[in-house]
């Protein structure tokens, strides 16, 4: 009888307070709701989930219901790209999906050339340096035109070297001896020495092999022909396919249904373990609550 009374009191308390925005019927109730990650707002005489459309301006950079807000001529609105922003101030403040924007008669995606000398820095994931009196983007060694900048290892995972007054990638074929070749990595690739009877042997890496036949010839060194290029075989590369049949045909990969994605067996196992821990924790939490209610 006591347990039934306790349950009745708990249900009464829960029902006495609205738990979701739609359950509130007054402005006061709407303001008092604690609704997880969502906020409620009294708008047009109803309690609604807060969104960009029913928010007050200025709202630059605010986010509701997974949408990024920006101040607009029409009021507050959600934006997904720079081109949807219609004023200069919001263009400089709001970053749709983390992308920096720049105002130039309209709001566009910012690039290196939009930076001054003092603000020349990485922009939207692209490395920028100041050279030839402007801020320019560098994606490969040949984009660098000054020797001092060439030797500073400015490009992630790529080593550059200054040869014949130009900046070039420091590739395996620049290593002269067989002994040094096998002990070296260049630009995240291991180097190997070719074993050709009819050609001059040299130090190479997989990416330098442009023909599929030659690429397959050096599979012993991990070379693998994929997407019309020769690449060093890596487990994460083999499991990057989006095709389920191609995924399961590789013994090292598995199609992970919860994510609908091809993963390495190790990655899938780690995800399963994390999921199991979460489920066990949730069940344990529920059982503790039940025990407290029954034996209180």
Protein backbone atom coordinates (compact mmCIF):
# COMPACT_ATOMS: atom_id res chain seq x y z
CA UNK A 1 0.00 0.00 0.00
CA UNK A 2 2.87 2.31 0.88
CA UNK A 3 4.59 1.63 -2.45
CA UNK A 4 1.39 2.37 -4.37
CA UNK A 5 1.04 5.67 -2.51
CA UNK A 6 4.62 6.65 -3.35
CA UNK A 7 4.09 5.88 -7.04
CA UNK A 8 0.84 7.87 -7.00
CA UNK A 9 2.63 10.89 -5.48
CA UNK A 10 5.44 10.67 -8.07
CA UNK A 11 2.99 10.48 -10.97
CA UNK A 12 1.00 13.40 -9.56
CA UNK A 13 4.13 15.54 -9.23
CA UNK A 14 5.26 14.70 -12.75
CA UNK A 15 1.85 15.44 -14.27
CA UNK A 16 1.60 18.72 -12.33
CA UNK A 17 4.37 20.27 -14.40
CA UNK A 18 4.53 20.35 -18.22
CA UNK A 19 7.60 18.52 -19.51
CA UNK A 20 7.54 19.65 -23.14
CA UNK A 21 6.90 22.99 -24.81
CA UNK A 22 3.63 21.83 -26.37
CA UNK A 23 2.21 20.89 -22.92
CA UNK A 24 2.52 24.43 -21.54
CA UNK A 25 -0.64 26.55 -21.78
CA UNK A 26 0.59 29.79 -20.19
CA UNK A 27 3.60 32.03 -20.64
CA UNK A 28 4.75 31.34 -17.07
CA UNK A 29 4.65 27.56 -17.59
CA UNK A 30 6.53 27.96 -20.87
CA UNK A 31 9.40 29.83 -19.20
CA UNK A 32 9.73 27.26 -16.40
CA UNK A 33 10.15 24.21 -18.66
CA UNK A 34 13.50 22.45 -18.55
CA UNK A 35 13.50 20.48 -21.78
CA UNK A 36 16.96 18.95 -22.19
CA UNK A 37 19.02 20.67 -24.86
CA UNK A 38 16.00 22.54 -26.27
CA UNK A 39 14.64 25.88 -25.10
CA UNK A 40 11.00 26.90 -25.08
CA UNK A 41 9.69 30.33 -26.07
CA UNK A 42 6.25 31.95 -25.87
CA UNK A 43 5.50 32.93 -29.46
CA UNK A 44 2.18 33.85 -31.08
CA UNK A 45 0.28 32.84 -27.93
CA UNK A 46 1.71 29.29 -27.88
CA UNK A 47 4.70 27.65 -26.25
CA UNK A 48 7.11 26.47 -28.95
CA UNK A 49 10.58 25.05 -29.27
CA UNK A 50 12.92 27.99 -29.74
CA UNK A 51 14.13 28.34 -33.33
CA UNK A 52 15.84 30.97 -35.45
CA UNK A 53 12.50 32.03 -36.96
CA UNK A 54 10.84 32.82 -33.64
CA UNK A 55 13.92 34.45 -32.01
CA UNK A 56 14.52 38.15 -31.56
CA UNK A 57 17.28 39.98 -33.46
CA UNK A 58 20.22 40.29 -33.20
CA UNK A 59 20.73 36.53 -33.27
CA UNK A 60 24.06 36.16 -35.10
CA UNK A 61 25.79 32.90 -34.15
CA UNK A 62 22.98 31.51 -31.97
CA UNK A 63 21.92 27.93 -32.63
CA UNK A 64 18.56 26.23 -32.04
CA UNK A 65 17.29 22.80 -33.10
CA UNK A 66 20.61 22.17 -34.84
CA UNK A 67 20.26 25.31 -36.98
CA UNK A 68 22.62 28.29 -37.03
CA UNK A 69 20.97 31.70 -36.82
CA UNK A 70 21.84 34.98 -38.52
CA UNK A 71 20.30 38.43 -38.44
CA UNK A 72 18.53 39.22 -41.69
CA UNK A 73 16.58 42.07 -43.28
CA UNK A 74 13.45 39.96 -42.72
CA UNK A 75 14.41 39.15 -39.12
CA UNK A 76 16.21 36.18 -37.61
CA UNK A 77 16.63 33.20 -39.94
CA UNK A 78 18.57 29.93 -40.15
CA UNK A 79 21.50 29.75 -42.56
CA UNK A 80 23.50 26.82 -43.94
CA UNK A 81 25.98 28.67 -46.17
CA UNK A 82 27.66 32.06 -46.52
CA UNK A 83 25.54 32.92 -49.57
CA UNK A 84 22.36 32.87 -47.43
CA UNK A 85 23.63 35.77 -45.28
CA UNK A 86 22.37 39.12 -46.60
CA UNK A 87 24.34 41.75 -44.65
CA UNK A 88 27.99 42.61 -44.02
CA UNK A 89 27.92 42.52 -40.21
CA UNK A 90 26.38 39.06 -39.99
CA UNK A 91 28.71 37.86 -42.74
CA UNK A 92 31.74 38.63 -40.57
CA UNK A 93 30.23 37.03 -37.43
CA UNK A 94 28.40 33.90 -38.52
CA UNK A 95 30.27 30.73 -39.54
CA UNK A 96 27.93 28.19 -41.20
CA UNK A 97 29.26 24.69 -40.43
CA UNK A 98 32.47 26.36 -39.20
CA UNK A 99 33.15 28.08 -42.55
CA UNK A 100 34.47 31.66 -42.37
CA UNK A 101 32.69 34.12 -44.64
CA UNK A 102 33.77 37.36 -46.34
CA UNK A 103 31.71 40.30 -47.56
CA UNK A 104 32.42 41.40 -51.14
CA UNK A 105 29.18 42.95 -52.48
CA UNK A 106 27.66 39.72 -51.15
CA UNK A 107 28.61 37.12 -48.55
CA UNK A 108 31.04 34.55 -49.97
CA UNK A 109 33.36 31.85 -48.60
CA UNK A 110 36.57 33.41 -47.30
CA UNK A 111 39.90 32.45 -48.86
CA UNK A 112 43.54 33.39 -48.27
CA UNK A 113 43.54 36.41 -50.59
CA UNK A 114 40.93 38.09 -48.37
CA UNK A 115 43.48 38.33 -45.55
CA UNK A 116 45.87 41.23 -45.02
CA UNK A 117 49.56 40.76 -44.24
CA UNK A 118 48.95 40.92 -40.49
CA UNK A 119 45.99 38.52 -40.62
CA UNK A 120 47.46 36.08 -43.15
CA UNK A 121 46.78 32.69 -41.56
CA UNK A 122 45.09 29.38 -42.23
CA UNK A 123 41.63 30.05 -43.66
CA UNK A 124 38.87 27.44 -43.96
CA UNK A 125 41.36 24.60 -43.67
CA UNK A 126 43.79 26.01 -46.25
CA UNK A 127 47.31 27.07 -45.23
CA UNK A 128 48.08 30.71 -46.11
CA UNK A 129 51.42 32.53 -46.27
CA UNK A 130 52.35 36.10 -47.20
CA UNK A 131 54.55 36.15 -50.31
CA UNK A 132 54.90 38.34 -53.39
CA UNK A 133 53.07 41.13 -51.51
CA UNK A 134 49.87 39.16 -50.99
CA UNK A 135 48.38 36.47 -48.81
CA UNK A 136 48.22 33.32 -50.90
CA UNK A 137 47.15 29.72 -50.38
CA UNK A 138 49.63 26.84 -50.45
CA UNK A 139 48.49 23.27 -51.00
CA UNK A 140 51.70 21.86 -52.47
CA UNK A 141 55.38 22.73 -52.42
CA UNK A 142 55.30 24.32 -55.88
CA UNK A 143 52.89 27.00 -54.54
CA UNK A 144 55.76 28.40 -52.43
CA UNK A 145 58.00 30.84 -54.32
CA UNK A 146 60.49 31.86 -51.60
CA UNK A 147 63.34 29.65 -50.35
CA UNK A 148 62.98 30.61 -46.68
CA UNK A 149 59.30 29.65 -46.67
CA UNK A 150 60.00 26.46 -48.62
CA UNK A 151 62.26 25.09 -45.90
CA UNK A 152 59.87 25.78 -42.99
CA UNK A 153 57.70 22.64 -43.41
CA UNK A 154 54.56 24.76 -43.72
CA UNK A 155 52.41 22.12 -45.43
CA UNK A 156 51.10 19.38 -43.10
CA UNK A 157 52.65 15.92 -43.73
CA UNK A 158 54.67 17.19 -46.72
CA UNK A 159 58.38 18.01 -46.63
CA UNK A 160 59.55 20.54 -49.19
CA UNK A 161 63.07 21.14 -50.49
CA UNK A 162 64.58 24.01 -52.53
CA UNK A 163 66.18 22.71 -55.77
CA UNK A 164 67.06 24.68 -58.93
CA UNK A 165 65.43 27.85 -57.56
CA UNK A 166 62.11 26.19 -57.00
CA UNK A 167 60.26 24.51 -54.17
CA UNK A 168 59.51 20.83 -54.74
CA UNK A 169 58.28 17.95 -52.62
CA UNK A 170 61.08 15.99 -50.97
CA UNK A 171 60.19 12.62 -52.51
CA UNK A 172 61.87 9.23 -52.20
CA UNK A 173 63.54 9.46 -55.62
CA UNK A 174 65.81 12.20 -54.26
CA UNK A 175 67.52 9.67 -51.97
CA UNK A 176 70.68 8.46 -53.75
CA UNK A 177 71.61 5.27 -51.89
CA UNK A 178 69.83 1.97 -51.32
CA UNK A 179 70.80 1.89 -47.65
CA UNK A 180 69.25 5.28 -46.87
CA UNK A 181 66.20 4.53 -49.02
CA UNK A 182 64.82 1.63 -46.96
CA UNK A 183 65.26 3.56 -43.69
CA UNK A 184 63.34 6.66 -44.81
CA UNK A 185 59.79 7.93 -45.05
CA UNK A 186 58.82 10.81 -47.28
CA UNK A 187 55.48 12.62 -46.98
CA UNK A 188 53.88 9.85 -44.89
CA UNK A 189 55.08 7.14 -47.31
CA UNK A 190 57.81 4.56 -46.84
CA UNK A 191 60.54 4.44 -49.47
CA UNK A 192 61.75 1.30 -51.25
CA UNK A 193 64.52 0.53 -53.73
CA UNK A 194 63.48 -0.93 -57.08
CA UNK A 195 64.90 -4.22 -58.36
CA UNK A 196 64.78 -3.89 -62.15
CA UNK A 197 67.23 -5.78 -64.36
CA UNK A 198 66.76 -3.70 -67.49
CA UNK A 199 66.43 -0.25 -65.89
CA UNK A 200 68.38 1.95 -63.55
CA UNK A 201 67.32 1.11 -60.01
CA UNK A 202 66.24 3.96 -57.81
CA UNK A 203 64.49 4.88 -54.59
CA UNK A 204 60.71 5.32 -55.00
CA UNK A 205 57.42 5.39 -53.13
CA UNK A 206 54.04 3.98 -54.21
CA UNK A 207 52.57 7.34 -55.25
CA UNK A 208 55.36 7.82 -57.78
CA UNK A 209 54.24 4.75 -59.77
CA UNK A 210 51.81 5.98 -62.41
CA UNK A 211 51.04 2.67 -64.13
CA UNK A 212 48.87 -0.06 -62.59
CA UNK A 213 51.17 -2.82 -63.80
CA UNK A 214 54.23 -1.28 -62.10
CA UNK A 215 52.17 -0.56 -58.98
CA UNK A 216 51.16 -4.21 -58.69
CA UNK A 217 54.76 -5.21 -59.25
CA UNK A 218 55.68 -3.60 -55.92
CA UNK A 219 52.78 -4.92 -53.86
CA UNK A 220 55.39 -6.55 -51.62
CA UNK A 221 56.22 -3.02 -50.44
CA UNK A 222 52.57 -2.23 -49.76
CA UNK A 223 51.65 -0.60 -53.08
CA UNK A 224 47.96 -0.86 -53.97
CA UNK A 225 46.17 0.43 -57.10
CA UNK A 226 43.04 2.35 -56.06
CA UNK A 227 41.01 5.14 -57.72
CA UNK A 228 43.37 5.25 -60.73
CA UNK A 229 46.46 5.86 -58.63
CA UNK A 230 49.09 3.86 -56.79
CA UNK A 231 48.81 4.23 -53.03
CA UNK A 232 50.52 2.78 -50.01
CA UNK A 233 48.16 0.20 -48.55
CA UNK A 234 46.68 1.31 -45.26
CA UNK A 235 43.94 -0.44 -43.38
CA UNK A 236 41.79 2.68 -43.03
CA UNK A 237 42.08 3.23 -46.79
CA UNK A 238 40.87 -0.28 -47.56
CA UNK A 239 37.80 0.19 -45.39
CA UNK A 240 36.85 3.63 -46.73
CA UNK A 241 34.45 2.31 -49.37
CA UNK A 242 30.75 3.20 -49.22
CA UNK A 243 29.74 -0.01 -50.99
CA UNK A 244 28.63 -2.77 -48.60
CA UNK A 245 29.56 -5.66 -50.92
CA UNK A 246 33.04 -4.27 -51.56
CA UNK A 247 33.45 -3.72 -47.82
CA UNK A 248 32.63 -7.27 -46.72
CA UNK A 249 34.81 -8.75 -49.47
CA UNK A 250 37.85 -7.49 -47.57
CA UNK A 251 38.78 -9.73 -44.62
CA UNK A 252 39.96 -6.72 -42.61
CA UNK A 253 36.69 -4.76 -42.96
CA UNK A 254 33.14 -5.14 -41.72
CA UNK A 255 29.89 -3.33 -42.59
CA UNK A 256 28.84 -1.68 -39.32
CA UNK A 257 25.03 -1.43 -39.48
CA UNK A 258 24.46 1.02 -36.57
CA UNK A 259 26.46 3.64 -38.51
CA UNK A 260 25.70 2.22 -41.99
CA UNK A 261 29.41 2.49 -42.69
CA UNK A 262 32.43 0.37 -43.60
CA UNK A 263 34.87 0.11 -40.68
CA UNK A 264 37.89 -1.88 -39.69
CA UNK A 265 37.06 -4.82 -37.43
CA UNK A 266 38.95 -3.10 -34.60
CA UNK A 267 36.96 0.16 -34.96
CA UNK A 268 33.64 -1.71 -35.08
CA UNK A 269 34.55 -3.64 -31.92
CA UNK A 270 35.40 -0.43 -30.07
CA UNK A 271 32.06 1.11 -31.09
CA UNK A 272 30.19 -2.00 -29.90
CA UNK A 273 32.01 -1.90 -26.58
CA UNK A 274 31.11 1.77 -26.03
CA UNK A 275 27.47 1.01 -26.89
CA UNK A 276 27.36 -1.96 -24.49
CA UNK A 277 28.75 0.19 -21.67
CA UNK A 278 26.11 2.86 -22.32
CA UNK A 279 23.23 0.34 -22.40
CA UNK A 280 24.48 -1.41 -19.23
CA UNK A 281 24.76 1.94 -17.46
CA UNK A 282 21.21 2.91 -18.48
CA UNK A 283 19.74 -0.42 -17.29
CA UNK A 284 21.65 -0.18 -14.00
CA UNK A 285 20.32 3.36 -13.46
CA UNK A 286 16.71 2.22 -14.01
CA UNK A 287 17.10 -0.73 -11.62
CA UNK A 288 18.52 1.53 -8.90
CA UNK A 289 15.49 3.82 -9.20
CA UNK A 290 13.10 0.84 -9.00
CA UNK A 291 14.87 -0.54 -5.91
CA UNK A 292 14.76 2.86 -4.19
CA UNK A 293 11.03 3.22 -4.87
CA UNK A 294 10.16 -0.32 -3.72
CA UNK A 295 12.22 -0.38 -0.53
CA UNK A 296 11.98 3.25 0.54
